[in-house]
Amino acid sequence: MRYKRTYQYDLVFALGFVTVFDQLMEGYPSHEDRDAIFQAYIRILKDPDQYRIDAQNLEDWASAQIGGIEGEVEGILKDIAERARHKKSFSYNRFFDGGILQVSLKVYNLLLTT
């Protein structure tokens, strides 16, 4: 994704990528090989562990939204919204879409259970 001038890493992209990757590789026979593929693909762009950490942080944040937690993730999401509004430094892609979908599903499921 870095070949795009407007690419900028964020938590939503990380969550979308991790979700898509994990779903695609779900039936892969070797966990070690699956992890090695993830590491090789992401290491080109960024730290693979950071992708997983950021994805988990965003999922945790989404799961806590019924309580209205303010914090770092909310600030990051506001920054993403601002970039999208101005479209100069925003890159919409399927991984970003997947991340937004995951956040929406977490919040939706919380609403159903409360």
C-alpha atoms as a PDB file:
ATOM      1  CA  MET A   1       0.000   0.000   0.000  1.00  0.00           C
ATOM      2  CA  ARG A   2       2.958   2.341   0.470  1.00  0.00           C
ATOM      3  CA  TYR A   3       3.255   2.902  -3.260  1.00  0.00           C
ATOM      4  CA  LYS A   4       0.213   5.175  -2.989  1.00  0.00           C
ATOM      5  CA  ARG A   5       1.091   8.780  -2.256  1.00  0.00           C
ATOM      6  CA  THR A   6      -1.824   9.065   0.151  1.00  0.00           C
ATOM      7  CA  TYR A   7      -1.028   5.925   2.187  1.00  0.00           C
ATOM      8  CA  GLN A   8      -0.716   6.501   5.909  1.00  0.00           C
ATOM      9  CA  TYR A   9      -0.680   3.684   8.446  1.00  0.00           C
ATOM     10  CA  ASP A  10      -3.398   3.728  11.098  1.00  0.00           C
ATOM     11  CA  LEU A  11      -5.193   1.389  13.496  1.00  0.00           C
ATOM     12  CA  VAL A  12      -8.152   0.877  11.171  1.00  0.00           C
ATOM     13  CA  PHE A  13      -5.881  -0.277   8.339  1.00  0.00           C
ATOM     14  CA  ALA A  14      -4.053  -2.613  10.758  1.00  0.00           C
ATOM     15  CA  LEU A  15      -7.305  -4.148  12.010  1.00  0.00           C
ATOM     16  CA  GLY A  16      -8.611  -4.590   8.476  1.00  0.00           C
ATOM     17  CA  PHE A  17      -5.413  -6.208   7.249  1.00  0.00           C
ATOM     18  CA  VAL A  18      -5.086  -8.522  10.251  1.00  0.00           C
ATOM     19  CA  THR A  19      -8.752  -9.543   9.950  1.00  0.00           C
ATOM     20  CA  VAL A  20      -8.538 -10.262   6.217  1.00  0.00           C
ATOM     21  CA  PHE A  21      -5.237 -12.128   6.591  1.00  0.00           C
ATOM     22  CA  ASP A  22      -6.469 -14.248   9.506  1.00  0.00           C
ATOM     23  CA  GLN A  23      -9.698 -15.139   7.706  1.00  0.00           C
ATOM     24  CA  LEU A  24      -7.892 -16.053   4.489  1.00  0.00           C
ATOM     25  CA  MET A  25      -5.353 -18.199   6.317  1.00  0.00           C
ATOM     26  CA  GLU A  26      -7.843 -19.813   8.704  1.00  0.00           C
ATOM     27  CA  GLY A  27      -7.581 -23.275   7.155  1.00  0.00           C
ATOM     28  CA  TYR A  28      -3.848 -23.118   6.480  1.00  0.00           C
ATOM     29  CA  PRO A  29      -2.336 -26.327   7.872  1.00  0.00           C
ATOM     30  CA  SER A  30       0.734 -24.903   9.622  1.00  0.00           C
ATOM     31  CA  HIS A  31       0.483 -22.149  12.247  1.00  0.00           C
ATOM     32  CA  GLU A  32       4.240 -21.578  11.995  1.00  0.00           C
ATOM     33  CA  ASP A  33       4.065 -21.096   8.213  1.00  0.00           C
ATOM     34  CA  ARG A  34       1.026 -18.846   8.542  1.00  0.00           C
ATOM     35  CA  ASP A  35       2.895 -16.655  11.029  1.00  0.00           C
ATOM     36  CA  ALA A  36       6.009 -16.637   8.815  1.00  0.00           C
ATOM     37  CA  ILE A  37       3.922 -15.480   5.829  1.00  0.00           C
ATOM     38  CA  PHE A  38       2.357 -12.697   7.915  1.00  0.00           C
ATOM     39  CA  GLN A  39       5.775 -11.634   9.216  1.00  0.00           C
ATOM     40  CA  ALA A  40       7.294 -11.613   5.715  1.00  0.00           C
ATOM     41  CA  TYR A  41       4.445  -9.629   4.192  1.00  0.00           C
ATOM     42  CA  ILE A  42       4.174  -6.994   6.902  1.00  0.00           C
ATOM     43  CA  ARG A  43       7.867  -6.590   7.670  1.00  0.00           C
ATOM     44  CA  ILE A  44       8.175  -4.867   4.275  1.00  0.00           C
ATOM     45  CA  LEU A  45       5.832  -2.131   5.537  1.00  0.00           C
ATOM     46  CA  LYS A  46       6.074  -2.035   9.313  1.00  0.00           C
ATOM     47  CA  ASP A  47       6.652  -4.119  12.421  1.00  0.00           C
ATOM     48  CA  PRO A  48       4.327  -7.180  12.215  1.00  0.00           C
ATOM     49  CA  ASP A  49       3.841  -7.255  15.981  1.00  0.00           C
ATOM     50  CA  GLN A  50       2.744  -3.603  15.898  1.00  0.00           C
ATOM     51  CA  TYR A  51       0.008  -4.512  13.387  1.00  0.00           C
ATOM     52  CA  ARG A  52      -1.371  -7.150  15.740  1.00  0.00           C
ATOM     53  CA  ILE A  53      -1.078  -4.873  18.794  1.00  0.00           C
ATOM     54  CA  ASP A  54      -2.796  -1.961  17.032  1.00  0.00           C
ATOM     55  CA  ALA A  55      -5.532  -4.233  15.689  1.00  0.00           C
ATOM     56  CA  GLN A  56      -6.175  -5.619  19.182  1.00  0.00           C
ATOM     57  CA  ASN A  57      -6.181  -2.129  20.712  1.00  0.00           C
ATOM     58  CA  LEU A  58      -8.818  -0.970  18.237  1.00  0.00           C
ATOM     59  CA  GLU A  59     -10.957  -4.064  18.868  1.00  0.00           C
ATOM     60  CA  ASP A  60     -10.671  -3.513  22.624  1.00  0.00           C
ATOM     61  CA  TRP A  61     -11.632   0.139  22.195  1.00  0.00           C
ATOM     62  CA  ALA A  62     -14.657  -0.786  20.073  1.00  0.00           C
ATOM     63  CA  SER A  63     -15.741  -3.351  22.661  1.00  0.00           C
ATOM     64  CA  ALA A  64     -15.723  -0.670  25.366  1.00  0.00           C
ATOM     65  CA  GLN A  65     -17.686   1.987  23.485  1.00  0.00           C
ATOM     66  CA  ILE A  66     -20.962   1.502  25.274  1.00  0.00           C
ATOM     67  CA  GLY A  67     -19.288   3.158  28.262  1.00  0.00           C
ATOM     68  CA  GLY A  68     -18.060   6.043  26.105  1.00  0.00           C
ATOM     69  CA  ILE A  69     -14.336   5.756  26.790  1.00  0.00           C
ATOM     70  CA  GLU A  70     -12.262   8.714  25.606  1.00  0.00           C
ATOM     71  CA  GLY A  71      -8.629   8.113  24.883  1.00  0.00           C
ATOM     72  CA  GLU A  72      -5.833   7.602  22.413  1.00  0.00           C
ATOM     73  CA  VAL A  73      -7.876   5.522  19.956  1.00  0.00           C
ATOM     74  CA  GLU A  74     -10.604   8.118  19.756  1.00  0.00           C
ATOM     75  CA  GLY A  75      -8.004  10.769  18.920  1.00  0.00           C
ATOM     76  CA  ILE A  76      -6.576   8.546  16.188  1.00  0.00           C
ATOM     77  CA  LEU A  77     -10.041   7.962  14.720  1.00  0.00           C
ATOM     78  CA  LYS A  78     -10.719  11.710  14.740  1.00  0.00           C
ATOM     79  CA  ASP A  79      -7.439  12.252  12.884  1.00  0.00           C
ATOM     80  CA  ILE A  80      -8.456   9.647  10.284  1.00  0.00           C
ATOM     81  CA  ALA A  81     -11.842  11.352   9.852  1.00  0.00           C
ATOM     82  CA  GLU A  82     -10.113  14.703   9.357  1.00  0.00           C
ATOM     83  CA  ARG A  83      -7.748  13.246   6.746  1.00  0.00           C
ATOM     84  CA  ALA A  84     -10.683  11.634   4.938  1.00  0.00           C
ATOM     85  CA  ARG A  85     -12.591  14.892   4.936  1.00  0.00           C
ATOM     86  CA  HIS A  86      -9.747  16.721   3.189  1.00  0.00           C
ATOM     87  CA  LYS A  87      -8.859  13.739   0.957  1.00  0.00           C
ATOM     88  CA  LYS A  88      -5.290  14.990   0.481  1.00  0.00           C
ATOM     89  CA  SER A  89      -3.622  12.407   2.666  1.00  0.00           C
ATOM     90  CA  PHE A  90      -6.268   9.700   2.858  1.00  0.00           C
ATOM     91  CA  SER A  91      -6.123   6.351   1.116  1.00  0.00           C
ATOM     92  CA  TYR A  92      -9.314   4.291   1.149  1.00  0.00           C
ATOM     93  CA  ASN A  93      -8.729   0.606   0.431  1.00  0.00           C
ATOM     94  CA  ARG A  94     -10.175  -2.798   1.228  1.00  0.00           C
ATOM     95  CA  PHE A  95      -8.101  -3.165   4.392  1.00  0.00           C
ATOM     96  CA  PHE A  96      -9.343   0.153   5.762  1.00  0.00           C
ATOM     97  CA  ASP A  97     -12.860  -0.969   4.834  1.00  0.00           C
ATOM     98  CA  GLY A  98     -12.330  -4.251   6.684  1.00  0.00           C
ATOM     99  CA  GLY A  99     -11.147  -2.396   9.772  1.00  0.00           C
ATOM    100  CA  ILE A 100     -14.166  -0.092   9.802  1.00  0.00           C
ATOM    101  CA  LEU A 101     -16.434  -3.113   9.354  1.00  0.00           C
ATOM    102  CA  GLN A 102     -14.833  -4.907  12.321  1.00  0.00           C
ATOM    103  CA  VAL A 103     -15.199  -1.849  14.574  1.00  0.00           C
ATOM    104  CA  SER A 104     -18.826  -1.419  13.485  1.00  0.00           C
ATOM    105  CA  LEU A 105     -19.604  -5.084  14.166  1.00  0.00           C
ATOM    106  CA  LYS A 106     -18.068  -4.908  17.652  1.00  0.00           C
ATOM    107  CA  VAL A 107     -20.124  -1.846  18.572  1.00  0.00           C
ATOM    108  CA  TYR A 108     -23.275  -3.328  16.977  1.00  0.00           C
ATOM    109  CA  ASN A 109     -22.882  -6.573  18.940  1.00  0.00           C
ATOM    110  CA  LEU A 110     -22.460  -4.581  22.147  1.00  0.00           C
ATOM    111  CA  LEU A 111     -25.644  -2.669  21.427  1.00  0.00           C
ATOM    112  CA  LEU A 112     -27.523  -5.933  20.912  1.00  0.00           C
ATOM    113  CA  THR A 113     -26.370  -7.320  24.250  1.00  0.00           C
ATOM    114  CA  THR A 114     -27.141  -4.259  26.368  1.00  0.00           C
END
